[in-house]
Amino acid sequence: MTIRTFGIDHVHFNVRRIKRFLEIMERLFGADIKPISQLAQLGAYNASVHFPAKGMTPSFPDVFQPGGDSDQAPEHIRDHGQGISHVVFRVENIEDTVLHAANCGLRRGPGARQGASARS
């Protein structure tokens, strides 16, 4: 079995300077930047970057900057440096995908949400 994917849904980036990252995305790609907001439940600042897409469902970077020392973003940056924390693929059946990934030797990482729903 292989997993049927419909492409990348989104990518999470953890950065120290969210405004600088967004400026680069805008200058490089002409990206549509969603306003920076504060996510109280994560203790972080967040913004989404959307790229013009012709004839396809767009993928987007979801960018996080630590809002303090107690959330996942500063922990990830401290342990791994700035960068990608995860990539989310669009899949047909999330339950079968999780089972197949486990059978291939992958495991749910720290901070993974239980019961994350698939998007179509």
C-alpha atoms as a PDB file:
ATOM      1  CA  MET A   1       0.000   0.000   0.000  1.00  0.00           C
ATOM      2  CA  THR A   2       1.055   3.571  -0.580  1.00  0.00           C
ATOM      3  CA  ILE A   3      -0.672   6.670   0.726  1.00  0.00           C
ATOM      4  CA  ARG A   4      -2.740   8.588  -1.787  1.00  0.00           C
ATOM      5  CA  THR A   5      -1.984  12.265  -1.307  1.00  0.00           C
ATOM      6  CA  PHE A   6      -3.474  15.353  -2.885  1.00  0.00           C
ATOM      7  CA  GLY A   7      -0.405  17.467  -2.212  1.00  0.00           C
ATOM      8  CA  ILE A   8       0.816  19.541   0.686  1.00  0.00           C
ATOM      9  CA  ASP A   9      -1.823  21.319   2.749  1.00  0.00           C
ATOM     10  CA  HIS A  10       0.470  23.512   4.835  1.00  0.00           C
ATOM     11  CA  VAL A  11       3.909  23.781   6.406  1.00  0.00           C
ATOM     12  CA  HIS A  12       4.597  25.116   9.920  1.00  0.00           C
ATOM     13  CA  PHE A  13       7.633  27.368  10.338  1.00  0.00           C
ATOM     14  CA  ASN A  14       8.942  28.438  13.743  1.00  0.00           C
ATOM     15  CA  VAL A  15      10.890  31.692  13.512  1.00  0.00           C
ATOM     16  CA  ARG A  16      12.364  34.250  15.889  1.00  0.00           C
ATOM     17  CA  ARG A  17      11.304  37.293  13.829  1.00  0.00           C
ATOM     18  CA  ILE A  18       7.923  36.785  12.169  1.00  0.00           C
ATOM     19  CA  LYS A  19       7.785  40.248  10.555  1.00  0.00           C
ATOM     20  CA  ARG A  20      11.125  39.676   8.816  1.00  0.00           C
ATOM     21  CA  PHE A  21      10.042  36.243   7.532  1.00  0.00           C
ATOM     22  CA  LEU A  22       6.792  37.706   6.174  1.00  0.00           C
ATOM     23  CA  GLU A  23       8.616  40.588   4.470  1.00  0.00           C
ATOM     24  CA  ILE A  24      10.857  38.094   2.679  1.00  0.00           C
ATOM     25  CA  MET A  25       7.881  35.985   1.505  1.00  0.00           C
ATOM     26  CA  GLU A  26       6.124  39.090   0.229  1.00  0.00           C
ATOM     27  CA  ARG A  27       9.170  40.420  -1.624  1.00  0.00           C
ATOM     28  CA  LEU A  28      10.202  37.058  -3.089  1.00  0.00           C
ATOM     29  CA  PHE A  29       6.833  35.666  -4.120  1.00  0.00           C
ATOM     30  CA  GLY A  30       4.290  38.493  -3.923  1.00  0.00           C
ATOM     31  CA  ALA A  31       2.543  36.465  -1.244  1.00  0.00           C
ATOM     32  CA  ASP A  32      -0.732  37.521   0.354  1.00  0.00           C
ATOM     33  CA  ILE A  33       0.064  37.908   4.049  1.00  0.00           C
ATOM     34  CA  LYS A  34      -2.709  37.326   6.546  1.00  0.00           C
ATOM     35  CA  PRO A  35      -2.427  39.665   9.542  1.00  0.00           C
ATOM     36  CA  ILE A  36      -0.301  38.599  12.476  1.00  0.00           C
ATOM     37  CA  SER A  37      -2.443  37.464  15.374  1.00  0.00           C
ATOM     38  CA  GLN A  38      -1.730  36.197  18.853  1.00  0.00           C
ATOM     39  CA  LEU A  39      -2.806  32.634  19.591  1.00  0.00           C
ATOM     40  CA  ALA A  40      -3.456  32.605  23.317  1.00  0.00           C
ATOM     41  CA  GLN A  41      -3.845  28.811  23.466  1.00  0.00           C
ATOM     42  CA  LEU A  42      -0.353  28.359  21.986  1.00  0.00           C
ATOM     43  CA  GLY A  43       1.252  31.438  23.507  1.00  0.00           C
ATOM     44  CA  ALA A  44       2.605  32.398  20.091  1.00  0.00           C
ATOM     45  CA  TYR A  45       2.168  34.901  17.298  1.00  0.00           C
ATOM     46  CA  ASN A  46       0.901  33.463  14.024  1.00  0.00           C
ATOM     47  CA  ALA A  47       0.405  34.501  10.416  1.00  0.00           C
ATOM     48  CA  SER A  48      -0.452  32.628   7.236  1.00  0.00           C
ATOM     49  CA  VAL A  49       1.167  33.239   3.878  1.00  0.00           C
ATOM     50  CA  HIS A  50      -0.903  32.552   0.756  1.00  0.00           C
ATOM     51  CA  PHE A  51       0.513  32.336  -2.739  1.00  0.00           C
ATOM     52  CA  PRO A  52      -1.419  32.942  -5.941  1.00  0.00           C
ATOM     53  CA  ALA A  53      -2.387  29.510  -7.315  1.00  0.00           C
ATOM     54  CA  LYS A  54      -3.835  28.847 -10.752  1.00  0.00           C
ATOM     55  CA  GLY A  55      -6.118  25.851 -11.055  1.00  0.00           C
ATOM     56  CA  MET A  56      -5.049  24.133  -7.847  1.00  0.00           C
ATOM     57  CA  THR A  57      -5.748  24.191  -4.135  1.00  0.00           C
ATOM     58  CA  PRO A  58      -3.028  26.378  -2.673  1.00  0.00           C
ATOM     59  CA  SER A  59      -0.587  25.239  -0.015  1.00  0.00           C
ATOM     60  CA  PHE A  60       0.495  27.771   2.550  1.00  0.00           C
ATOM     61  CA  PRO A  61       3.187  28.370   5.132  1.00  0.00           C
ATOM     62  CA  ASP A  62       1.812  28.863   8.639  1.00  0.00           C
ATOM     63  CA  VAL A  63       4.358  30.925  10.587  1.00  0.00           C
ATOM     64  CA  PHE A  64       4.821  31.027  14.363  1.00  0.00           C
ATOM     65  CA  GLN A  65       6.925  33.299  16.561  1.00  0.00           C
ATOM     66  CA  PRO A  66       7.214  32.563  20.281  1.00  0.00           C
ATOM     67  CA  GLY A  67       5.098  34.787  22.479  1.00  0.00           C
ATOM     68  CA  GLY A  68       6.911  33.607  25.600  1.00  0.00           C
ATOM     69  CA  ASP A  69       9.003  30.739  26.887  1.00  0.00           C
ATOM     70  CA  SER A  70       6.199  28.295  27.667  1.00  0.00           C
ATOM     71  CA  ASP A  71       4.864  27.294  24.239  1.00  0.00           C
ATOM     72  CA  GLN A  72       6.081  24.830  21.601  1.00  0.00           C
ATOM     73  CA  ALA A  73       7.684  27.348  19.227  1.00  0.00           C
ATOM     74  CA  PRO A  74      10.536  28.460  21.547  1.00  0.00           C
ATOM     75  CA  GLU A  75      11.110  24.849  22.592  1.00  0.00           C
ATOM     76  CA  HIS A  76      11.405  23.818  18.936  1.00  0.00           C
ATOM     77  CA  ILE A  77      13.721  26.739  18.135  1.00  0.00           C
ATOM     78  CA  ARG A  78      15.886  26.014  21.193  1.00  0.00           C
ATOM     79  CA  ASP A  79      16.176  22.286  20.410  1.00  0.00           C
ATOM     80  CA  HIS A  80      16.300  22.366  16.593  1.00  0.00           C
ATOM     81  CA  GLY A  81      16.830  25.963  15.468  1.00  0.00           C
ATOM     82  CA  GLN A  82      14.477  28.028  13.353  1.00  0.00           C
ATOM     83  CA  GLY A  83      12.729  26.246  10.533  1.00  0.00           C
ATOM     84  CA  ILE A  84      10.051  23.754   9.649  1.00  0.00           C
ATOM     85  CA  SER A  85       8.344  21.984  12.534  1.00  0.00           C
ATOM     86  CA  HIS A  86       6.021  19.888  10.371  1.00  0.00           C
ATOM     87  CA  VAL A  87       4.490  19.386   6.927  1.00  0.00           C
ATOM     88  CA  VAL A  88       0.827  18.428   6.524  1.00  0.00           C
ATOM     89  CA  PHE A  89      -0.271  16.438   3.469  1.00  0.00           C
ATOM     90  CA  ARG A  90      -3.807  16.231   2.118  1.00  0.00           C
ATOM     91  CA  VAL A  91      -4.808  12.568   2.241  1.00  0.00           C
ATOM     92  CA  GLU A  92      -7.901  10.609   1.338  1.00  0.00           C
ATOM     93  CA  ASN A  93      -8.274   8.674   4.602  1.00  0.00           C
ATOM     94  CA  ILE A  94      -6.487   9.928   7.720  1.00  0.00           C
ATOM     95  CA  GLU A  95      -7.068   6.787   9.810  1.00  0.00           C
ATOM     96  CA  ASP A  96      -5.609   4.473   7.151  1.00  0.00           C
ATOM     97  CA  THR A  97      -2.741   6.911   6.623  1.00  0.00           C
ATOM     98  CA  VAL A  98      -1.809   6.960  10.326  1.00  0.00           C
ATOM     99  CA  LEU A  99      -1.952   3.154  10.494  1.00  0.00           C
ATOM    100  CA  HIS A 100       0.178   2.767   7.354  1.00  0.00           C
ATOM    101  CA  ALA A 101       2.728   5.307   8.627  1.00  0.00           C
ATOM    102  CA  ALA A 102       3.016   3.347  11.898  1.00  0.00           C
ATOM    103  CA  ASN A 103       3.455   0.104   9.942  1.00  0.00           C
ATOM    104  CA  CYS A 104       6.294   1.797   8.036  1.00  0.00           C
ATOM    105  CA  GLY A 105       8.067   2.579  11.310  1.00  0.00           C
ATOM    106  CA  LEU A 106       6.972   6.185  11.814  1.00  0.00           C
ATOM    107  CA  ARG A 107       5.662   7.373  15.138  1.00  0.00           C
ATOM    108  CA  ARG A 108       3.605  10.299  16.313  1.00  0.00           C
ATOM    109  CA  GLY A 109       6.019  13.022  17.361  1.00  0.00           C
ATOM    110  CA  PRO A 110       5.927  15.116  20.519  1.00  0.00           C
ATOM    111  CA  GLY A 111       3.282  17.804  20.370  1.00  0.00           C
ATOM    112  CA  ALA A 112       1.259  15.986  17.691  1.00  0.00           C
ATOM    113  CA  ARG A 113      -2.423  16.609  18.113  1.00  0.00           C
ATOM    114  CA  GLN A 114      -4.615  13.625  18.825  1.00  0.00           C
ATOM    115  CA  GLY A 115      -7.626  13.365  16.540  1.00  0.00           C
ATOM    116  CA  ALA A 116      -6.488  15.980  14.040  1.00  0.00           C
ATOM    117  CA  SER A 117      -9.070  15.887  11.298  1.00  0.00           C
ATOM    118  CA  ALA A 118      -8.316  15.522   7.607  1.00  0.00           C
ATOM    119  CA  ARG A 119      -9.268  18.315   5.253  1.00  0.00           C
ATOM    120  CA  SER A 120     -10.606  17.759   1.792  1.00  0.00           C
END
